Amino acid sequence: MPAYIWQGNTHCAGSRCGADAQCEYTMENNMEDKNKKPAHAAKPAAFPGRGRVAIVKCGTYDGQEVQIAVQRAVELLGGLERVLSAGEKPLVHDSRIILKPNLLAKTEPEKACTTHPAVFKAVGALLQENGYKNLRYGDSPGNPMISVERVAQECGIKAAADSLGIPLGEFESGTQVAFPQGRAADSFVLCDEVIKADGIINICKMKTHQLERITGAVKNTFGCVYGINKGASHAKFATAEVFAKMLADLNALVRPKLHIMDGIMAMEGNGPQSGTPTPMGLILASTDPVALDAVFCHLVDLKPELVPTNVSGMEQGIGTWTDLEIIDESGTLTVQEAFEKYGSSTFNVQRGAEYRGMLRPVRFLAPLLEKKPIVRKNICIGCGICVNACPVEGKAIHVEPVEQSGPDCGARSAAGKQRRGVAVYDYSKCIKCYCCQEMCPEQAITVKKSLLARIADRNWRI
């Protein structure tokens, strides 16, 4: 079978990458062709200019208030028409556009795990009001065993999309796409809707993340990867730094046109699913995913350089975390002014310095500084979702029958739910990707630091 050519949303102008014509990305449906290289592919270019990020206050999920906030945030960037018509491949009114919310798991909007339907609806309505009618929506949820439609229905996104007449895109099938210029990944299995689309609007959620510290604009594009391939990526790119390089490669490939962050009710602590909802009261917008995430960092008193996706994103050329232009209704703000006006120093996020590299000469200390996932046995119901989420061959976690789990594990959990068993780790196999913690619907898995790691966090913060 011959390789297909994807002439999708990732073309670059020939002048940028030194080619005479637009780029072509090889989309491969035949494993025999997987090493075949595209005739030409765009070289990731340095991000052009400052990373502009708009901040608009929005205290509730009232539909009209959210609509006004989203519209104003986009206006501060120059207006929707200007944003979508700029860059490597301008979008026109009949362009096929994906609305890409965060649909990590089948949870209620109030838990702040997923993009709130009011924000999704405001973005969709803004596009339609400006003449962009060829819209689809979708995401690849964290659990590949659950359909995106079921997740969207539980999260309220399906109802919001239905009210606007926006159909679900093709996120239940995928195709391998070559990306030879990737720094970590040379190909991705993308959802077919991503390949068909002319552009993506990334509607991300302001949350913490146990592997990357935060999840925002850069991380949300991981939902463009099809199904079970996300788990395989965690196994292949096992450290926070290498995983971040893969995410930067993915962003360089799919290149969303606009990023809008739902920060009205954020998630702190044990994110990205089991954390605590906390009000930040903000809508943020940018064409630069790294800048958007960097401003998120500044607003929660976290050094942007401690977030691997910021560092790798800038190295890959998808954005900047160092040269920020923060704007609101009053004009341009410094980082400090933005924090004083909109930020929170009490937001529960990992702020400690990355100290593993400092202690390489004394390697025996490394295991004492690692975080590891812990099962809270009184909460666990033995559903097995963590086992399915584990990307390790042979699995680093399994479910034991209740009778083998000790005297403190009765037939029901602390929440009164019937137990099937209790999850147990084999830490000799664990790669510390925290997929189990990310996907646990009962908030029964947390990430624990050793005493030495906690001391290091307090004393080595930079």
Protein backbone atom coordinates (compact mmCIF):
# COMPACT_ATOMS: atom_id res chain seq x y z
CA MET A 1 0.00 0.00 0.00
CA PRO A 2 1.49 3.35 -0.96
CA ALA A 3 2.11 5.97 1.69
CA TYR A 4 -0.41 8.77 1.87
CA ILE A 5 0.54 12.43 1.96
CA TRP A 6 -1.02 14.45 4.75
CA GLN A 7 -1.63 17.98 3.55
CA GLY A 8 -3.23 18.93 6.82
CA ASN A 9 -2.85 21.55 9.48
CA THR A 10 0.94 21.40 9.83
CA HIS A 11 2.19 22.90 6.57
CA CYS A 12 4.80 25.60 6.81
CA ALA A 13 5.62 28.28 4.31
CA GLY A 14 8.55 27.37 2.11
CA SER A 15 10.43 30.50 3.07
CA ARG A 16 10.45 29.49 6.73
CA CYS A 17 12.02 26.08 6.34
CA GLY A 18 14.09 26.68 3.22
CA ALA A 19 11.91 24.73 0.79
CA ASP A 20 10.54 25.89 -2.53
CA ALA A 21 7.08 24.50 -1.89
CA GLN A 22 4.77 23.69 0.96
CA CYS A 23 5.73 20.79 3.19
CA GLU A 24 4.33 17.29 2.89
CA TYR A 25 3.97 14.96 5.85
CA THR A 26 3.96 11.27 5.07
CA MET A 27 0.96 9.51 6.56
CA GLU A 28 1.54 5.79 6.67
CA ASN A 29 -1.10 3.07 6.73
CA ASN A 30 1.26 0.18 5.99
CA MET A 31 3.79 -1.01 8.56
CA GLU A 32 6.10 -2.02 5.69
CA ASP A 33 6.35 1.66 4.82
CA LYS A 34 7.02 2.89 8.37
CA ASN A 35 10.66 3.79 7.68
CA LYS A 36 9.87 5.63 4.47
CA LYS A 37 10.69 9.31 4.81
CA PRO A 38 8.64 12.21 3.47
CA ALA A 39 10.00 13.91 0.39
CA HIS A 40 10.20 17.05 2.49
CA ALA A 41 9.10 17.95 5.99
CA ALA A 42 9.04 21.26 7.80
CA LYS A 43 11.93 22.04 10.11
CA PRO A 44 10.70 23.33 13.46
CA ALA A 45 11.35 27.06 13.42
CA ALA A 46 12.22 29.26 16.35
CA PHE A 47 9.10 30.87 17.76
CA PRO A 48 8.73 34.25 16.06
CA GLY A 49 8.69 37.06 18.59
CA ARG A 50 7.20 37.41 22.03
CA GLY A 51 4.67 35.02 23.50
CA ARG A 52 1.51 37.07 23.96
CA VAL A 53 -0.93 35.80 26.57
CA ALA A 54 -4.29 37.40 27.33
CA ILE A 55 -5.84 37.18 30.81
CA VAL A 56 -9.50 37.95 31.45
CA LYS A 57 -11.24 37.70 34.81
CA CYS A 58 -14.25 35.37 34.88
CA GLY A 59 -15.63 34.38 38.26
CA THR A 60 -18.37 31.89 37.34
CA TYR A 61 -19.45 29.44 34.66
CA ASP A 62 -22.50 31.52 33.84
CA GLY A 63 -22.88 31.15 30.07
CA GLN A 64 -23.07 34.83 29.22
CA GLU A 65 -20.16 35.79 31.48
CA VAL A 66 -17.97 33.05 30.01
CA GLN A 67 -18.93 34.06 26.47
CA ILE A 68 -17.90 37.64 27.13
CA ALA A 69 -14.62 36.58 28.76
CA VAL A 70 -13.64 34.23 25.93
CA GLN A 71 -14.49 36.83 23.29
CA ARG A 72 -12.54 39.51 25.11
CA ALA A 73 -9.49 37.28 25.55
CA VAL A 74 -9.40 36.57 21.82
CA GLU A 75 -9.89 40.27 21.04
CA LEU A 76 -6.85 41.08 23.17
CA LEU A 77 -4.84 38.79 20.89
CA GLY A 78 -5.98 40.77 17.86
CA GLY A 79 -9.37 39.22 17.14
CA LEU A 80 -10.43 35.78 15.92
CA GLU A 81 -10.10 36.50 12.21
CA ARG A 82 -6.58 37.81 12.62
CA VAL A 83 -5.51 34.91 14.85
CA LEU A 84 -6.87 32.19 12.57
CA SER A 85 -5.67 33.77 9.34
CA ALA A 86 -2.09 34.21 10.58
CA GLY A 87 0.76 31.74 10.54
CA GLU A 88 1.78 28.83 8.41
CA LYS A 89 -1.63 27.82 7.09
CA PRO A 90 -4.40 30.43 7.34
CA LEU A 91 -7.86 29.17 8.20
CA VAL A 92 -10.80 30.40 6.16
CA HIS A 93 -14.50 30.19 6.90
CA ASP A 94 -14.96 26.76 5.31
CA SER A 95 -11.83 25.25 6.89
CA ARG A 96 -12.41 22.05 8.87
CA ILE A 97 -11.64 22.95 12.48
CA ILE A 98 -11.44 20.77 15.59
CA LEU A 99 -12.45 22.00 19.02
CA LYS A 100 -10.14 20.01 21.28
CA PRO A 101 -11.24 20.11 24.95
CA ASN A 102 -9.66 18.17 27.80
CA LEU A 103 -11.73 14.96 28.08
CA LEU A 104 -9.38 12.99 30.30
CA ALA A 105 -12.04 10.97 32.10
CA LYS A 106 -15.76 10.42 32.62
CA THR A 107 -16.28 12.95 35.42
CA GLU A 108 -18.72 15.72 36.27
CA PRO A 109 -17.72 19.28 35.30
CA GLU A 110 -17.71 20.31 38.97
CA LYS A 111 -14.66 18.13 39.65
CA ALA A 112 -12.52 20.43 37.44
CA CYS A 113 -10.91 17.45 35.72
CA THR A 114 -12.11 18.33 32.23
CA THR A 115 -12.80 21.47 30.22
CA HIS A 116 -16.05 22.97 31.46
CA PRO A 117 -18.89 22.81 28.90
CA ALA A 118 -19.58 26.53 29.33
CA VAL A 119 -16.07 27.36 28.10
CA PHE A 120 -16.34 24.86 25.25
CA LYS A 121 -19.70 26.32 24.21
CA ALA A 122 -18.37 29.88 24.36
CA VAL A 123 -15.48 28.99 22.04
CA GLY A 124 -17.75 27.13 19.61
CA ALA A 125 -20.27 29.97 19.54
CA LEU A 126 -17.52 32.54 18.94
CA LEU A 127 -16.28 30.58 15.93
CA GLN A 128 -19.78 30.21 14.48
CA GLU A 129 -20.63 33.87 15.00
CA ASN A 130 -17.52 34.77 13.01
CA GLY A 131 -18.44 32.52 10.09
CA TYR A 132 -16.49 29.35 10.95
CA LYS A 133 -19.18 26.67 10.61
CA ASN A 134 -17.26 23.54 9.56
CA LEU A 135 -16.53 22.44 13.11
CA ARG A 136 -15.95 19.10 14.84
CA TYR A 137 -15.01 18.29 18.41
CA GLY A 138 -13.26 15.46 20.19
CA ASP A 139 -10.39 14.10 22.23
CA SER A 140 -8.81 10.74 22.96
CA PRO A 141 -9.67 10.00 26.62
CA GLY A 142 -7.15 8.57 29.03
CA ASN A 143 -8.96 5.23 29.24
CA PRO A 144 -9.03 3.72 25.73
CA MET A 145 -11.72 1.25 26.83
CA ILE A 146 -14.29 4.06 27.11
CA SER A 147 -15.56 5.84 24.01
CA VAL A 148 -15.01 9.55 23.63
CA GLU A 149 -18.78 9.99 23.19
CA ARG A 150 -19.47 8.47 26.63
CA VAL A 151 -16.82 10.67 28.24
CA ALA A 152 -18.13 13.78 26.46
CA GLN A 153 -21.66 12.99 27.58
CA GLU A 154 -20.68 12.62 31.25
CA CYS A 155 -18.55 15.79 31.15
CA GLY A 156 -21.34 17.88 29.63
CA ILE A 157 -19.39 18.57 26.45
CA LYS A 158 -21.71 16.53 24.23
CA ALA A 159 -24.75 18.53 25.32
CA ALA A 160 -22.89 21.79 24.70
CA ALA A 161 -21.76 20.60 21.26
CA ASP A 162 -25.25 19.34 20.37
CA SER A 163 -26.75 22.71 21.28
CA LEU A 164 -24.47 24.31 18.68
CA GLY A 165 -24.88 21.56 16.09
CA ILE A 166 -21.19 20.58 16.29
CA PRO A 167 -20.67 16.87 15.57
CA LEU A 168 -18.15 14.53 17.16
CA GLY A 169 -15.10 14.00 14.97
CA GLU A 170 -13.33 10.76 14.11
CA PHE A 171 -11.41 10.05 17.31
CA GLU A 172 -12.10 6.29 17.46
CA SER A 173 -9.60 5.43 14.71
CA GLY A 174 -6.02 6.43 14.03
CA THR A 175 -3.24 6.39 11.46
CA GLN A 176 0.53 6.50 11.80
CA VAL A 177 2.11 9.76 10.69
CA ALA A 178 5.85 10.19 10.19
CA PHE A 179 7.62 13.10 11.84
CA PRO A 180 11.33 12.56 11.12
CA GLN A 181 12.39 15.92 12.52
CA GLY A 182 11.15 15.02 15.98
CA ARG A 183 13.68 15.29 18.81
CA ALA A 184 12.20 12.35 20.72
CA ALA A 185 9.50 10.83 18.50
CA ASP A 186 9.81 10.21 14.76
CA SER A 187 6.15 9.25 14.28
CA PHE A 188 2.76 9.42 15.96
CA VAL A 189 -0.47 7.46 15.61
CA LEU A 190 -2.89 10.37 15.33
CA CYS A 191 -6.66 10.28 15.52
CA ASP A 192 -8.03 10.42 12.00
CA GLU A 193 -9.98 13.61 12.70
CA VAL A 194 -6.71 15.39 13.52
CA ILE A 195 -5.33 14.36 10.14
CA LYS A 196 -8.44 15.49 8.26
CA ALA A 197 -8.67 18.84 10.01
CA ASP A 198 -7.25 22.09 8.69
CA GLY A 199 -6.75 23.47 12.18
CA ILE A 200 -7.18 22.85 15.90
CA ILE A 201 -8.50 25.08 18.67
CA ASN A 202 -6.99 23.77 21.90
CA ILE A 203 -9.38 24.30 24.84
CA CYS A 204 -7.28 23.14 27.78
CA LYS A 205 -7.80 23.01 31.54
CA MET A 206 -5.65 24.58 34.28
CA LYS A 207 -4.50 21.60 36.37
CA THR A 208 -1.59 20.05 38.20
CA HIS A 209 0.14 16.93 36.90
CA GLN A 210 2.28 14.47 38.85
CA LEU A 211 4.78 13.83 36.06
CA GLU A 212 5.08 17.27 34.44
CA ARG A 213 4.01 19.43 37.44
CA ILE A 214 1.26 21.11 35.40
CA THR A 215 -0.94 20.21 32.47
CA GLY A 216 -2.10 23.01 30.23
CA ALA A 217 -1.82 23.85 26.55
CA VAL A 218 1.19 21.71 25.59
CA LYS A 219 0.03 18.59 27.43
CA ASN A 220 -3.58 18.81 26.18
CA THR A 221 -2.49 18.00 22.62
CA PHE A 222 -1.66 14.47 23.83
CA GLY A 223 -5.33 13.75 23.20
CA CYS A 224 -4.59 13.98 19.47
CA VAL A 225 -2.81 10.62 19.81
CA TYR A 226 -5.09 7.68 19.17
CA GLY A 227 -6.26 5.38 21.95
CA ILE A 228 -3.90 2.83 23.42
CA ASN A 229 -0.90 4.49 21.75
CA LYS A 230 -0.87 7.06 24.55
CA GLY A 231 -0.05 4.35 27.07
CA ALA A 232 2.70 3.05 24.80
CA SER A 233 4.14 6.57 24.70
CA HIS A 234 4.34 6.65 28.49
CA ALA A 235 6.29 3.39 28.44
CA LYS A 236 8.61 4.52 25.65
CA PHE A 237 9.19 8.06 26.95
CA ALA A 238 9.30 7.17 30.63
CA THR A 239 10.92 10.19 32.30
CA ALA A 240 9.35 13.62 32.67
CA GLU A 241 12.04 15.18 30.48
CA VAL A 242 11.82 12.70 27.60
CA PHE A 243 8.03 12.64 27.76
CA ALA A 244 8.06 16.44 27.51
CA LYS A 245 10.27 16.27 24.41
CA MET A 246 7.74 13.91 22.84
CA LEU A 247 4.93 16.34 23.68
CA ALA A 248 6.90 19.19 22.12
CA ASP A 249 7.35 17.10 18.97
CA LEU A 250 3.61 16.42 18.90
CA ASN A 251 2.84 20.12 19.19
CA ALA A 252 5.29 20.89 16.40
CA LEU A 253 3.41 18.40 14.24
CA VAL A 254 -0.24 19.27 14.90
CA ARG A 255 0.31 23.01 15.67
CA PRO A 256 -3.03 24.23 17.10
CA LYS A 257 -3.96 27.70 15.86
CA LEU A 258 -5.27 28.99 19.18
CA HIS A 259 -5.08 27.91 22.82
CA ILE A 260 -7.76 28.86 25.34
CA MET A 261 -7.36 27.81 28.98
CA ASP A 262 -10.25 27.19 31.33
CA GLY A 263 -8.88 28.57 34.58
CA ILE A 264 -12.20 29.55 36.12
CA MET A 265 -12.11 26.53 38.41
CA ALA A 266 -8.63 24.99 38.34
CA MET A 267 -7.35 21.76 39.88
CA GLU A 268 -4.55 21.74 42.45
CA GLY A 269 -2.84 18.99 44.42
CA ASN A 270 -3.22 15.39 43.27
CA GLY A 271 -4.05 16.21 39.62
CA PRO A 272 -4.79 15.66 36.83
CA GLN A 273 -7.92 13.71 37.93
CA SER A 274 -7.81 13.29 41.69
CA GLY A 275 -6.90 16.82 42.73
CA THR A 276 -8.92 19.50 44.46
CA PRO A 277 -10.99 22.09 42.55
CA THR A 278 -9.85 25.60 43.39
CA PRO A 279 -11.16 28.91 42.02
CA MET A 280 -8.73 30.96 39.95
CA GLY A 281 -11.46 32.86 38.10
CA LEU A 282 -9.59 33.25 34.82
CA ILE A 283 -9.76 32.68 31.08
CA LEU A 284 -6.36 32.71 29.38
CA ALA A 285 -5.68 32.72 25.64
CA SER A 286 -2.62 32.64 23.39
CA THR A 287 -1.33 31.42 20.05
CA ASP A 288 1.78 30.20 21.92
CA PRO A 289 1.23 27.08 24.06
CA VAL A 290 4.51 27.43 25.93
CA ALA A 291 3.86 31.07 26.82
CA LEU A 292 0.36 30.19 28.01
CA ASP A 293 1.69 27.43 30.26
CA ALA A 294 4.47 29.72 31.49
CA VAL A 295 1.94 32.36 32.55
CA PHE A 296 -0.04 29.62 34.31
CA CYS A 297 3.19 28.80 36.17
CA HIS A 298 3.80 32.41 37.17
CA LEU A 299 0.22 32.74 38.42
CA VAL A 300 0.70 29.84 40.84
CA ASP A 301 4.22 30.89 41.94
CA LEU A 302 5.95 28.08 40.06
CA LYS A 303 9.19 28.70 38.17
CA PRO A 304 8.42 28.00 34.47
CA GLU A 305 11.86 26.49 33.93
CA LEU A 306 10.97 23.67 36.35
CA VAL A 307 8.25 22.45 33.97
CA PRO A 308 9.79 20.11 31.37
CA THR A 309 7.18 20.90 28.70
CA ASN A 310 8.14 24.58 28.85
CA VAL A 311 11.84 23.82 28.41
CA SER A 312 11.35 21.24 25.65
CA GLY A 313 8.70 23.35 23.94
CA MET A 314 11.05 26.30 23.61
CA GLU A 315 13.89 24.06 22.44
CA GLN A 316 11.60 22.59 19.76
CA GLY A 317 10.53 26.06 18.63
CA ILE A 318 6.82 25.87 19.43
CA GLY A 319 6.91 28.83 21.82
CA THR A 320 8.74 30.75 24.52
CA TRP A 321 8.63 30.84 28.30
CA THR A 322 11.25 33.60 28.65
CA ASP A 323 9.91 36.42 26.46
CA LEU A 324 6.33 36.94 27.60
CA GLU A 325 3.87 39.69 26.79
CA ILE A 326 1.02 39.47 29.29
CA ILE A 327 -2.01 41.62 28.54
CA ASP A 328 -5.36 42.28 30.17
CA GLU A 329 -8.06 44.94 29.97
CA SER A 330 -5.72 47.52 31.52
CA GLY A 331 -2.81 46.93 29.14
CA THR A 332 0.52 45.14 29.40
CA LEU A 333 1.52 43.53 32.69
CA THR A 334 4.84 42.39 34.05
CA VAL A 335 5.03 38.87 35.45
CA GLN A 336 4.97 40.27 38.98
CA GLU A 337 1.99 42.51 38.23
CA ALA A 338 0.08 39.59 36.75
CA PHE A 339 0.77 37.48 39.84
CA GLU A 340 -0.25 40.25 42.24
CA LYS A 341 -3.45 40.87 40.30
CA TYR A 342 -4.53 37.32 39.45
CA GLY A 343 -2.19 34.80 41.10
CA SER A 344 -2.18 32.53 44.14
CA SER A 345 0.81 31.65 46.31
CA THR A 346 -1.21 28.95 48.11
CA PHE A 347 -2.03 26.95 44.97
CA ASN A 348 -0.93 23.37 45.73
CA VAL A 349 1.65 22.47 43.07
CA GLN A 350 5.14 20.90 43.08
CA ARG A 351 7.49 23.87 43.45
CA GLY A 352 10.66 22.12 44.62
CA ALA A 353 13.78 22.16 42.46
CA GLU A 354 14.66 19.17 40.29
CA TYR A 355 17.42 17.66 42.36
CA ARG A 356 17.99 14.26 40.77
CA GLY A 357 20.67 15.62 38.45
CA MET A 358 22.47 17.29 41.34
CA LEU A 359 22.96 13.93 43.05
CA ARG A 360 24.16 11.84 40.11
CA PRO A 361 27.65 11.48 41.65
CA VAL A 362 26.04 9.73 44.64
CA ARG A 363 23.74 7.39 42.75
CA PHE A 364 22.80 5.35 45.80
CA LEU A 365 20.71 8.32 46.98
CA ALA A 366 18.59 8.42 43.81
CA PRO A 367 15.98 5.86 44.95
CA LEU A 368 15.59 7.76 48.22
CA LEU A 369 14.56 10.88 46.30
CA GLU A 370 12.01 9.33 43.97
CA LYS A 371 8.30 9.88 44.20
CA LYS A 372 6.15 6.80 43.94
CA PRO A 373 2.44 6.08 43.63
CA ILE A 374 0.71 4.80 46.75
CA VAL A 375 -2.66 3.03 47.01
CA ARG A 376 -4.96 4.28 49.75
CA LYS A 377 -6.44 0.91 50.60
CA ASN A 378 -9.41 2.28 52.50
CA ILE A 379 -10.58 4.07 49.34
CA CYS A 380 -9.63 1.57 46.60
CA ILE A 381 -12.49 -0.58 45.26
CA GLY A 382 -10.37 -2.81 43.02
CA CYS A 383 -11.99 -1.66 39.77
CA GLY A 384 -8.81 -2.47 37.80
CA ILE A 385 -8.70 0.77 35.80
CA CYS A 386 -5.20 1.39 37.14
CA VAL A 387 -4.11 -2.02 35.83
CA ASN A 388 -5.45 -1.22 32.36
CA ALA A 389 -3.74 2.19 32.47
CA CYS A 390 -0.31 0.77 33.37
CA PRO A 391 1.80 0.82 30.17
CA VAL A 392 4.46 -1.55 31.48
CA GLU A 393 4.72 -5.01 29.98
CA GLY A 394 3.81 -7.47 32.72
CA LYS A 395 2.09 -4.63 34.66
CA ALA A 396 3.49 -2.90 37.72
CA ILE A 397 0.14 -3.06 39.52
CA HIS A 398 -2.47 -5.75 40.02
CA VAL A 399 -5.66 -6.27 42.01
CA GLU A 400 -5.64 -8.71 44.91
CA PRO A 401 -8.79 -10.25 46.39
CA VAL A 402 -10.13 -8.50 49.47
CA GLU A 403 -9.35 -11.46 51.71
CA GLN A 404 -5.63 -11.14 50.83
CA SER A 405 -5.46 -7.40 51.49
CA GLY A 406 -5.25 -7.28 55.26
CA PRO A 407 -7.69 -6.80 58.13
CA ASP A 408 -8.22 -3.09 57.43
CA CYS A 409 -9.80 -3.81 54.02
CA GLY A 410 -13.43 -4.77 54.44
CA ALA A 411 -16.03 -5.59 51.83
CA ARG A 412 -16.74 -1.90 51.29
CA SER A 413 -14.55 1.16 50.81
CA ALA A 414 -14.51 4.22 53.04
CA ALA A 415 -17.06 5.73 50.67
CA GLY A 416 -19.35 2.73 51.14
CA LYS A 417 -18.71 1.24 47.70
CA GLN A 418 -18.54 -2.50 47.13
CA ARG A 419 -14.96 -3.75 46.73
CA ARG A 420 -13.78 -6.19 44.09
CA GLY A 421 -10.31 -6.19 45.61
CA VAL A 422 -7.41 -3.84 46.36
CA ALA A 423 -4.67 -2.64 44.01
CA VAL A 424 -1.09 -3.64 44.89
CA TYR A 425 2.19 -2.42 43.32
CA ASP A 426 5.27 -4.27 42.18
CA TYR A 427 7.66 -1.33 42.47
CA SER A 428 10.44 -3.26 40.76
CA LYS A 429 8.47 -2.83 37.52
CA CYS A 430 7.11 0.68 38.13
CA ILE A 431 8.51 3.36 35.79
CA LYS A 432 6.93 6.26 37.76
CA CYS A 433 4.78 7.46 34.85
CA TYR A 434 1.78 7.86 37.20
CA CYS A 435 -0.74 6.71 34.58
CA CYS A 436 -2.40 4.69 37.36
CA GLN A 437 -2.82 7.79 39.52
CA GLU A 438 -3.99 9.84 36.56
CA MET A 439 -6.77 7.42 35.64
CA CYS A 440 -8.00 6.31 39.10
CA PRO A 441 -11.68 7.34 39.30
CA GLU A 442 -11.86 6.88 43.08
CA GLN A 443 -8.95 9.17 44.01
CA ALA A 444 -7.43 6.12 45.69
CA ILE A 445 -3.91 6.62 44.33
CA THR A 446 -1.68 9.46 45.40
CA VAL A 447 1.98 10.23 44.72
CA LYS A 448 4.15 10.20 47.82
CA LYS A 449 7.61 11.66 48.34
CA SER A 450 10.18 10.20 50.69
CA LEU A 451 11.21 12.17 53.77
CA LEU A 452 14.53 13.02 52.09
CA ALA A 453 12.70 14.27 48.99
CA ARG A 454 10.41 16.47 51.09
CA ILE A 455 13.41 17.94 52.93
CA ALA A 456 15.11 18.58 49.59
CA ASP A 457 12.01 20.33 48.27
CA ARG A 458 11.98 22.72 51.20
CA ASN A 459 15.68 23.50 51.11
CA TRP A 460 16.54 23.40 47.40
CA ARG A 461 13.74 25.41 45.92
CA ILE A 462 15.00 27.77 43.21
